[in-house]
C-alpha atoms as a PDB file:
ATOM      1  CA  MET A   1       9.343  -0.596 -23.049  1.00  0.00           C
ATOM      2  CA  VAL A   2       9.470   2.079 -20.360  1.00  0.00           C
ATOM      3  CA  THR A   3      12.378   4.410 -20.929  1.00  0.00           C
ATOM      4  CA  GLY A   4      15.128   4.194 -18.326  1.00  0.00           C
ATOM      5  CA  THR A   5      13.424   1.382 -16.434  1.00  0.00           C
ATOM      6  CA  LYS A   6      14.664  -2.156 -16.108  1.00  0.00           C
ATOM      7  CA  ILE A   7      11.678  -4.368 -16.853  1.00  0.00           C
ATOM      8  CA  GLY A   8      11.524  -7.622 -14.912  1.00  0.00           C
ATOM      9  CA  THR A   9       9.319 -10.672 -15.406  1.00  0.00           C
ATOM     10  CA  ARG A  10       6.692 -12.133 -13.110  1.00  0.00           C
ATOM     11  CA  ALA A  11       8.730 -15.288 -12.621  1.00  0.00           C
ATOM     12  CA  GLU A  12      11.614 -13.279 -11.140  1.00  0.00           C
ATOM     13  CA  ALA A  13       9.561 -11.554  -8.457  1.00  0.00           C
ATOM     14  CA  THR A  14       9.487 -13.211  -5.029  1.00  0.00           C
ATOM     15  CA  VAL A  15       9.042 -10.015  -3.026  1.00  0.00           C
ATOM     16  CA  ILE A  16       7.334  -6.693  -3.631  1.00  0.00           C
ATOM     17  CA  SER A  17      10.051  -4.069  -3.673  1.00  0.00           C
ATOM     18  CA  THR A  18       9.513  -0.373  -3.029  1.00  0.00           C
ATOM     19  CA  GLY A  19      12.158   0.423  -5.634  1.00  0.00           C
ATOM     20  CA  ASN A  20      14.237   1.871  -2.792  1.00  0.00           C
ATOM     21  CA  GLY A  21      16.858  -0.546  -1.451  1.00  0.00           C
ATOM     22  CA  GLU A  22      17.210   1.281   1.857  1.00  0.00           C
ATOM     23  CA  ILE A  23      13.471   1.082   2.580  1.00  0.00           C
ATOM     24  CA  ASP A  24      13.333  -2.567   1.449  1.00  0.00           C
ATOM     25  CA  LYS A  25      16.107  -3.413   3.905  1.00  0.00           C
ATOM     26  CA  LYS A  26      14.144  -1.844   6.774  1.00  0.00           C
ATOM     27  CA  MET A  27      11.128  -3.912   5.718  1.00  0.00           C
ATOM     28  CA  GLY A  28      13.044  -7.172   5.972  1.00  0.00           C
ATOM     29  CA  GLY A  29      13.935  -7.356   2.297  1.00  0.00           C
ATOM     30  CA  GLY A  30      10.496  -6.500   0.886  1.00  0.00           C
ATOM     31  CA  ILE A  31       6.932  -7.810   1.119  1.00  0.00           C
ATOM     32  CA  PRO A  32       6.758 -11.463  -0.061  1.00  0.00           C
ATOM     33  CA  VAL A  33       4.611 -11.994  -3.156  1.00  0.00           C
ATOM     34  CA  GLY A  34       1.190 -13.359  -2.205  1.00  0.00           C
ATOM     35  CA  SER A  35       0.974 -11.337   1.006  1.00  0.00           C
ATOM     36  CA  LEU A  36      -2.038  -9.531   2.405  1.00  0.00           C
ATOM     37  CA  THR A  37      -0.706  -6.204   3.659  1.00  0.00           C
ATOM     38  CA  LEU A  38      -2.289  -3.647   5.974  1.00  0.00           C
ATOM     39  CA  ILE A  39      -0.949  -0.086   5.815  1.00  0.00           C
ATOM     40  CA  GLU A  40      -2.504   1.771   8.713  1.00  0.00           C
ATOM     41  CA  GLY A  41      -1.884   5.196  10.174  1.00  0.00           C
ATOM     42  CA  HIS A  42      -2.752   8.805  10.868  1.00  0.00           C
ATOM     43  CA  SER A  43      -3.844  11.398   8.327  1.00  0.00           C
ATOM     44  CA  SER A  44      -0.931  12.961   6.389  1.00  0.00           C
ATOM     45  CA  ALA A  45       1.464  10.313   7.739  1.00  0.00           C
ATOM     46  CA  GLY A  46       2.515   9.159   4.257  1.00  0.00           C
ATOM     47  CA  LYS A  47       0.236   6.152   3.672  1.00  0.00           C
ATOM     48  CA  SER A  48      -0.521   7.053   0.050  1.00  0.00           C
ATOM     49  CA  VAL A  49       3.111   7.868  -0.682  1.00  0.00           C
ATOM     50  CA  LEU A  50       4.188   4.478   0.684  1.00  0.00           C
ATOM     51  CA  THR A  51       1.505   2.786  -1.428  1.00  0.00           C
ATOM     52  CA  GLN A  52       2.732   4.601  -4.522  1.00  0.00           C
ATOM     53  CA  GLN A  53       6.323   3.686  -3.670  1.00  0.00           C
ATOM     54  CA  MET A  54       5.319   0.001  -3.504  1.00  0.00           C
ATOM     55  CA  MET A  55       3.350   0.341  -6.738  1.00  0.00           C
ATOM     56  CA  TRP A  56       6.400   1.860  -8.432  1.00  0.00           C
ATOM     57  CA  GLY A  57       8.594  -1.002  -7.262  1.00  0.00           C
ATOM     58  CA  SER A  58       6.046  -3.621  -8.376  1.00  0.00           C
ATOM     59  CA  LEU A  59       5.763  -2.152 -11.869  1.00  0.00           C
ATOM     60  CA  ASN A  60       9.531  -2.006 -12.240  1.00  0.00           C
ATOM     61  CA  GLN A  61       9.638  -5.714 -11.350  1.00  0.00           C
ATOM     62  CA  GLY A  62       7.393  -6.532 -14.274  1.00  0.00           C
ATOM     63  CA  LEU A  63       4.256  -7.045 -12.209  1.00  0.00           C
ATOM     64  CA  LYS A  64       0.806  -5.947 -13.290  1.00  0.00           C
ATOM     65  CA  VAL A  65      -0.970  -3.664 -10.820  1.00  0.00           C
ATOM     66  CA  THR A  66      -4.537  -2.530 -10.216  1.00  0.00           C
ATOM     67  CA  LEU A  67      -5.124   0.409  -7.881  1.00  0.00           C
ATOM     68  CA  PHE A  68      -8.514   1.220  -6.371  1.00  0.00           C
ATOM     69  CA  THR A  69      -8.323   4.811  -5.143  1.00  0.00           C
ATOM     70  CA  THR A  70     -10.605   7.151  -3.246  1.00  0.00           C
ATOM     71  CA  GLU A  71      -7.727   9.621  -2.907  1.00  0.00           C
ATOM     72  CA  ASN A  72      -7.018  10.539  -6.545  1.00  0.00           C
ATOM     73  CA  THR A  73      -8.309  10.713 -10.073  1.00  0.00           C
ATOM     74  CA  MET A  74      -6.282   9.037 -12.828  1.00  0.00           C
ATOM     75  CA  LYS A  75      -4.822  12.378 -13.859  1.00  0.00           C
ATOM     76  CA  SER A  76      -3.928  13.532 -10.343  1.00  0.00           C
ATOM     77  CA  LEU A  77      -2.299  10.209  -9.444  1.00  0.00           C
ATOM     78  CA  LEU A  78      -0.128  10.146 -12.569  1.00  0.00           C
ATOM     79  CA  SER A  79       0.843  13.769 -11.997  1.00  0.00           C
ATOM     80  CA  GLN A  80       1.616  13.223  -8.309  1.00  0.00           C
ATOM     81  CA  MET A  81       3.815  10.197  -8.955  1.00  0.00           C
ATOM     82  CA  ALA A  82       5.667  11.994 -11.757  1.00  0.00           C
ATOM     83  CA  SER A  83       6.440  14.831  -9.326  1.00  0.00           C
ATOM     84  CA  LEU A  84       8.095  12.256  -7.036  1.00  0.00           C
ATOM     85  CA  ALA A  85      10.310  10.907  -9.868  1.00  0.00           C
ATOM     86  CA  GLN A  86       8.066   7.848 -10.215  1.00  0.00           C
ATOM     87  CA  ASP A  87       6.538   8.416 -13.637  1.00  0.00           C
ATOM     88  CA  VAL A  88       4.188   5.478 -14.319  1.00  0.00           C
ATOM     89  CA  THR A  89       2.482   7.001 -17.367  1.00  0.00           C
ATOM     90  CA  ASP A  90       4.032   4.489 -19.784  1.00  0.00           C
ATOM     91  CA  TYR A  91       2.968   1.578 -17.583  1.00  0.00           C
ATOM     92  CA  PHE A  92      -0.552   3.018 -17.547  1.00  0.00           C
ATOM     93  CA  LEU A  93      -0.631   3.418 -21.333  1.00  0.00           C
ATOM     94  CA  LEU A  94       0.694  -0.122 -21.817  1.00  0.00           C
ATOM     95  CA  GLY A  95      -2.074  -1.549 -19.602  1.00  0.00           C
ATOM     96  CA  ARG A  96       0.344  -2.722 -16.914  1.00  0.00           C
ATOM     97  CA  LEU A  97      -1.278  -0.314 -14.430  1.00  0.00           C
ATOM     98  CA  ARG A  98      -5.030   0.075 -14.021  1.00  0.00           C
ATOM     99  CA  ILE A  99      -6.334   2.985 -11.932  1.00  0.00           C
ATOM    100  CA  LEU A 100      -9.926   2.615 -10.742  1.00  0.00           C
ATOM    101  CA  PRO A 101     -11.230   5.730  -8.923  1.00  0.00           C
ATOM    102  CA  VAL A 102     -13.874   4.957  -6.288  1.00  0.00           C
ATOM    103  CA  LYS A 103     -16.408   7.446  -4.927  1.00  0.00           C
ATOM    104  CA  ALA A 104     -15.901   7.448  -1.171  1.00  0.00           C
ATOM    105  CA  MET A 105     -19.242   9.098  -0.397  1.00  0.00           C
ATOM    106  CA  LYS A 106     -21.129   6.243  -2.058  1.00  0.00           C
ATOM    107  CA  ALA A 107     -19.249   3.750   0.087  1.00  0.00           C
ATOM    108  CA  GLY A 108     -20.571   5.338   3.285  1.00  0.00           C
ATOM    109  CA  GLU A 109     -24.191   4.824   2.250  1.00  0.00           C
ATOM    110  CA  ARG A 110     -23.978   1.027   2.001  1.00  0.00           C
ATOM    111  CA  PRO A 111     -20.539  -0.059   3.250  1.00  0.00           C
ATOM    112  CA  ASP A 112     -21.418  -3.772   3.242  1.00  0.00           C
ATOM    113  CA  ALA A 113     -22.560  -3.626  -0.391  1.00  0.00           C
ATOM    114  CA  ALA A 114     -19.544  -1.496  -1.316  1.00  0.00           C
ATOM    115  CA  LEU A 115     -17.154  -4.051   0.179  1.00  0.00           C
ATOM    116  CA  ARG A 116     -18.842  -6.869  -1.729  1.00  0.00           C
ATOM    117  CA  LEU A 117     -18.601  -4.852  -4.945  1.00  0.00           C
ATOM    118  CA  LEU A 118     -14.891  -4.250  -4.370  1.00  0.00           C
ATOM    119  CA  LEU A 119     -14.326  -7.981  -3.958  1.00  0.00           C
ATOM    120  CA  ARG A 120     -16.329  -8.746  -7.087  1.00  0.00           C
ATOM    121  CA  VAL A 121     -14.378  -6.261  -9.204  1.00  0.00           C
ATOM    122  CA  MET A 122     -11.092  -7.455  -7.730  1.00  0.00           C
ATOM    123  CA  ASN A 123     -11.891 -11.043  -8.718  1.00  0.00           C
ATOM    124  CA  MET A 124     -12.609  -9.853 -12.264  1.00  0.00           C
ATOM    125  CA  GLU A 125      -9.120  -8.373 -12.608  1.00  0.00           C
ATOM    126  CA  ASN A 126      -7.642 -11.219 -14.647  1.00  0.00           C
ATOM    127  CA  GLY A 127      -3.884 -11.419 -14.993  1.00  0.00           C
ATOM    128  CA  VAL A 128      -3.246  -8.921 -12.217  1.00  0.00           C
ATOM    129  CA  ASP A 129      -0.385  -9.624  -9.800  1.00  0.00           C
ATOM    130  CA  VAL A 130      -0.886  -6.819  -7.291  1.00  0.00           C
ATOM    131  CA  VAL A 131      -4.097  -5.146  -6.062  1.00  0.00           C
ATOM    132  CA  MET A 132      -3.857  -1.978  -3.958  1.00  0.00           C
ATOM    133  CA  MET A 133      -6.719  -0.170  -2.234  1.00  0.00           C
ATOM    134  CA  ASP A 134      -6.064   3.413  -1.115  1.00  0.00           C
ATOM    135  CA  SER A 135      -7.959   3.924   0.961  1.00  0.00           C
ATOM    136  CA  LEU A 136     -10.542   1.611   2.500  1.00  0.00           C
ATOM    137  CA  THR A 137     -11.395   4.000   5.327  1.00  0.00           C
ATOM    138  CA  SER A 138     -14.745   5.112   3.870  1.00  0.00           C
ATOM    139  CA  PHE A 139     -15.752   1.459   3.482  1.00  0.00           C
ATOM    140  CA  ILE A 140     -14.420  -0.018   6.719  1.00  0.00           C
ATOM    141  CA  ALA A 141     -15.183   2.804   9.172  1.00  0.00           C
ATOM    142  CA  TYR A 142     -18.957   2.441   8.708  1.00  0.00           C
ATOM    143  CA  ALA A 143     -19.149  -1.308   8.110  1.00  0.00           C
ATOM    144  CA  PRO A 144     -20.205  -3.761  10.821  1.00  0.00           C
ATOM    145  CA  GLU A 145     -17.245  -5.610  12.301  1.00  0.00           C
ATOM    146  CA  LYS A 146     -18.355  -8.928  10.792  1.00  0.00           C
ATOM    147  CA  ASP A 147     -18.366  -7.400   7.297  1.00  0.00           C
ATOM    148  CA  ALA A 148     -14.886  -5.938   7.777  1.00  0.00           C
ATOM    149  CA  ILE A 149     -13.552  -9.293   9.000  1.00  0.00           C
ATOM    150  CA  SER A 150     -15.270 -11.122   6.147  1.00  0.00           C
ATOM    151  CA  PHE A 151     -13.752  -8.715   3.616  1.00  0.00           C
ATOM    152  CA  TYR A 152     -10.228  -9.422   4.847  1.00  0.00           C
ATOM    153  CA  GLU A 153     -10.911 -13.154   4.883  1.00  0.00           C
ATOM    154  CA  GLU A 154     -11.896 -12.942   1.220  1.00  0.00           C
ATOM    155  CA  CYS A 155      -8.787 -10.900   0.442  1.00  0.00           C
ATOM    156  CA  LYS A 156      -6.722 -13.588   2.157  1.00  0.00           C
ATOM    157  CA  SER A 157      -8.293 -16.223  -0.108  1.00  0.00           C
ATOM    158  CA  TYR A 158      -7.332 -14.073  -3.092  1.00  0.00           C
ATOM    159  CA  CYS A 159      -3.738 -13.980  -1.825  1.00  0.00           C
ATOM    160  CA  ASN A 160      -3.717 -17.772  -1.509  1.00  0.00           C
ATOM    161  CA  GLU A 161      -4.024 -17.822  -5.304  1.00  0.00           C
ATOM    162  CA  GLY A 162      -0.670 -16.032  -5.551  1.00  0.00           C
ATOM    163  CA  LYS A 163      -1.963 -12.466  -5.775  1.00  0.00           C
ATOM    164  CA  THR A 164      -0.657  -9.687  -3.552  1.00  0.00           C
ATOM    165  CA  VAL A 165      -3.191  -7.378  -1.883  1.00  0.00           C
ATOM    166  CA  THR A 166      -2.381  -4.141  -0.067  1.00  0.00           C
ATOM    167  CA  THR A 167      -5.056  -2.231   1.849  1.00  0.00           C
ATOM    168  CA  VAL A 168      -4.692   1.264   3.271  1.00  0.00           C
ATOM    169  CA  VAL A 169      -6.784   2.580   6.182  1.00  0.00           C
ATOM    170  CA  HIS A 170      -6.741   5.375   8.717  1.00  0.00           C
ATOM    171  CA  SER A 171      -6.121   4.192  12.264  1.00  0.00           C
ATOM    172  CA  TYR A 172      -9.508   5.432  13.446  1.00  0.00           C
ATOM    173  CA  ALA A 173     -11.336   3.142  10.993  1.00  0.00           C
ATOM    174  CA  PHE A 174     -11.034   0.159  13.361  1.00  0.00           C
ATOM    175  CA  SER A 175     -11.741  -0.427  16.999  1.00  0.00           C
ATOM    176  CA  GLU A 176      -8.699  -1.707  18.869  1.00  0.00           C
ATOM    177  CA  ALA A 177     -10.146  -5.229  18.996  1.00  0.00           C
ATOM    178  CA  THR A 178     -11.025  -5.270  15.279  1.00  0.00           C
ATOM    179  CA  LEU A 179      -7.588  -3.941  14.339  1.00  0.00           C
ATOM    180  CA  ALA A 180      -5.947  -6.736  16.341  1.00  0.00           C
ATOM    181  CA  ARG A 181      -8.036  -9.397  14.555  1.00  0.00           C
ATOM    182  CA  ILE A 182      -7.403  -7.993  11.101  1.00  0.00           C
ATOM    183  CA  SER A 183      -3.704  -7.501  11.774  1.00  0.00           C
ATOM    184  CA  SER A 184      -3.435 -11.161  12.790  1.00  0.00           C
ATOM    185  CA  MET A 185      -4.932 -12.197   9.443  1.00  0.00           C
ATOM    186  CA  CYS A 186      -2.558 -10.019   7.443  1.00  0.00           C
ATOM    187  CA  ASP A 187       0.898 -11.177   6.417  1.00  0.00           C
ATOM    188  CA  ALA A 188       2.354  -7.698   6.729  1.00  0.00           C
ATOM    189  CA  HIS A 189       1.375  -4.737   8.889  1.00  0.00           C
ATOM    190  CA  LEU A 190       2.960  -1.312   8.426  1.00  0.00           C
ATOM    191  CA  ARG A 191       1.949   1.421  10.871  1.00  0.00           C
ATOM    192  CA  LEU A 192       2.553   5.095  10.012  1.00  0.00           C
ATOM    193  CA  CYS A 193       2.267   8.149  12.228  1.00  0.00           C
ATOM    194  CA  LEU A 194       3.441  11.719  12.691  1.00  0.00           C
ATOM    195  CA  ASP A 195       5.909  12.397  15.495  1.00  0.00           C
ATOM    196  CA  THR A 196       7.525  15.515  16.865  1.00  0.00           C
ATOM    197  CA  VAL A 197      11.277  15.268  17.276  1.00  0.00           C
ATOM    198  CA  GLY A 198      12.501  18.452  18.899  1.00  0.00           C
ATOM    199  CA  THR A 199      10.887  21.191  16.819  1.00  0.00           C
ATOM    200  CA  GLN A 200      10.571  19.018  13.717  1.00  0.00           C
ATOM    201  CA  LEU A 201       7.447  17.137  12.619  1.00  0.00           C
ATOM    202  CA  VAL A 202       8.501  13.850  11.013  1.00  0.00           C
ATOM    203  CA  LYS A 203       6.785  10.823   9.512  1.00  0.00           C
ATOM    204  CA  THR A 204       7.562   7.418  10.965  1.00  0.00           C
ATOM    205  CA  MET A 205       6.776   3.920   9.791  1.00  0.00           C
ATOM    206  CA  GLU A 206       6.806   0.968  12.150  1.00  0.00           C
ATOM    207  CA  VAL A 207       7.285  -2.382  10.437  1.00  0.00           C
ATOM    208  CA  ALA A 208       5.019  -4.228  12.857  1.00  0.00           C
ATOM    209  CA  LYS A 209       5.441  -7.520  10.991  1.00  0.00           C
ATOM    210  CA  VAL A 210       6.289  -9.013   7.629  1.00  0.00           C
ATOM    211  CA  ARG A 211       5.545 -12.730   7.644  1.00  0.00           C
ATOM    212  CA  GLY A 212       8.105 -14.670   5.623  1.00  0.00           C
ATOM    213  CA  ALA A 213      10.536 -11.749   5.407  1.00  0.00           C
ATOM    214  CA  ALA A 214      14.056 -12.652   4.366  1.00  0.00           C
ATOM    215  CA  ARG A 215      15.539 -10.600   7.194  1.00  0.00           C
ATOM    216  CA  THR A 216      14.575  -9.290  10.628  1.00  0.00           C
ATOM    217  CA  THR A 217      11.755  -6.741  10.736  1.00  0.00           C
ATOM    218  CA  GLY A 218      10.375  -4.629  13.576  1.00  0.00           C
ATOM    219  CA  ASN A 219      12.261  -1.518  12.473  1.00  0.00           C
ATOM    220  CA  ILE A 220      10.992   2.029  12.876  1.00  0.00           C
ATOM    221  CA  ILE A 221      11.758   4.250   9.905  1.00  0.00           C
ATOM    222  CA  THR A 222      11.798   8.037  10.030  1.00  0.00           C
ATOM    223  CA  PHE A 223      11.246   9.585   6.622  1.00  0.00           C
ATOM    224  CA  ASP A 224      10.218  12.642   4.665  1.00  0.00           C
ATOM    225  CA  VAL A 225       8.638  13.077   1.239  1.00  0.00           C
ATOM    226  CA  GLU A 226      10.553  15.236  -1.226  1.00  0.00           C
ATOM    227  CA  PRO A 227       9.536  16.385  -4.726  1.00  0.00           C
ATOM    228  CA  GLY A 228      11.698  14.747  -7.361  1.00  0.00           C
ATOM    229  CA  TRP A 229      12.726  12.059  -4.897  1.00  0.00           C
ATOM    230  CA  GLY A 230       9.812  10.404  -3.092  1.00  0.00           C
ATOM    231  CA  MET A 231      10.347   8.772   0.296  1.00  0.00           C
ATOM    232  CA  ARG A 232      13.692   9.676   1.823  1.00  0.00           C
ATOM    233  CA  ILE A 233      14.823   8.052   5.060  1.00  0.00           C
ATOM    234  CA  ILE A 234      16.027  10.501   7.673  1.00  0.00           C
ATOM    235  CA  PRO A 235      18.802   9.152   9.946  1.00  0.00           C
ATOM    236  CA  PHE A 236      17.503   9.102  13.513  1.00  0.00           C
ATOM    237  CA  SER A 237      20.428  11.184  14.748  1.00  0.00           C
ATOM    238  CA  ARG A 238      19.562  13.917  12.245  1.00  0.00           C
ATOM    239  CA  ALA A 239      15.843  13.780  13.073  1.00  0.00           C
ATOM    240  CA  LYS A 240      16.675  14.013  16.778  1.00  0.00           C
ATOM    241  CA  ALA A 241      18.799  17.081  16.154  1.00  0.00           C
END
């Protein structure tokens, strides 16, 4: 048992929570289980932090998570999440969280083969409820459009089996036309960027869509990332000031 954490069961989970009620509310109540989610945005806009927030919420719900990461090693990810008051070390030791580092440079050499390998490994992850990929940029940016579309089609098939898949990419990884096609296939699309409000640089997340959300979506969230806290929503009036 993870100290200080309320452990849920798979049967109880109908949505993927971030573990932060305020953020969940802005996202329409959370991402429905079985969704294919696209997190897309600029560099340093908070994509990885949002992914980790969703991973934290999933684990606290009793779900089993596999993370493919080109952004961290096992050690650095565990350390980073602990610094944000989201210590997942016990989940990792109990086998509830699997962290699979991926070499991004290798992906650029044969992106089509790398995408197929990702799908193959993902299908071998028996008993997993949630698969997260942070980030797919090195794979998708150099892959032919047909391979990128095919990859998301396969991910969608995986979701039809009741699994939840979240993919993270930089905005520049897709052409505008490809992004529109992939977004239409996804059940949820979260777009992050950096904005200047007065003299302050802030992170914003647009909830472009969450199919099957319990409540209205389409919100724009302004947030910051604080050590010992994680994502913290900044009221628009304060950000404007």
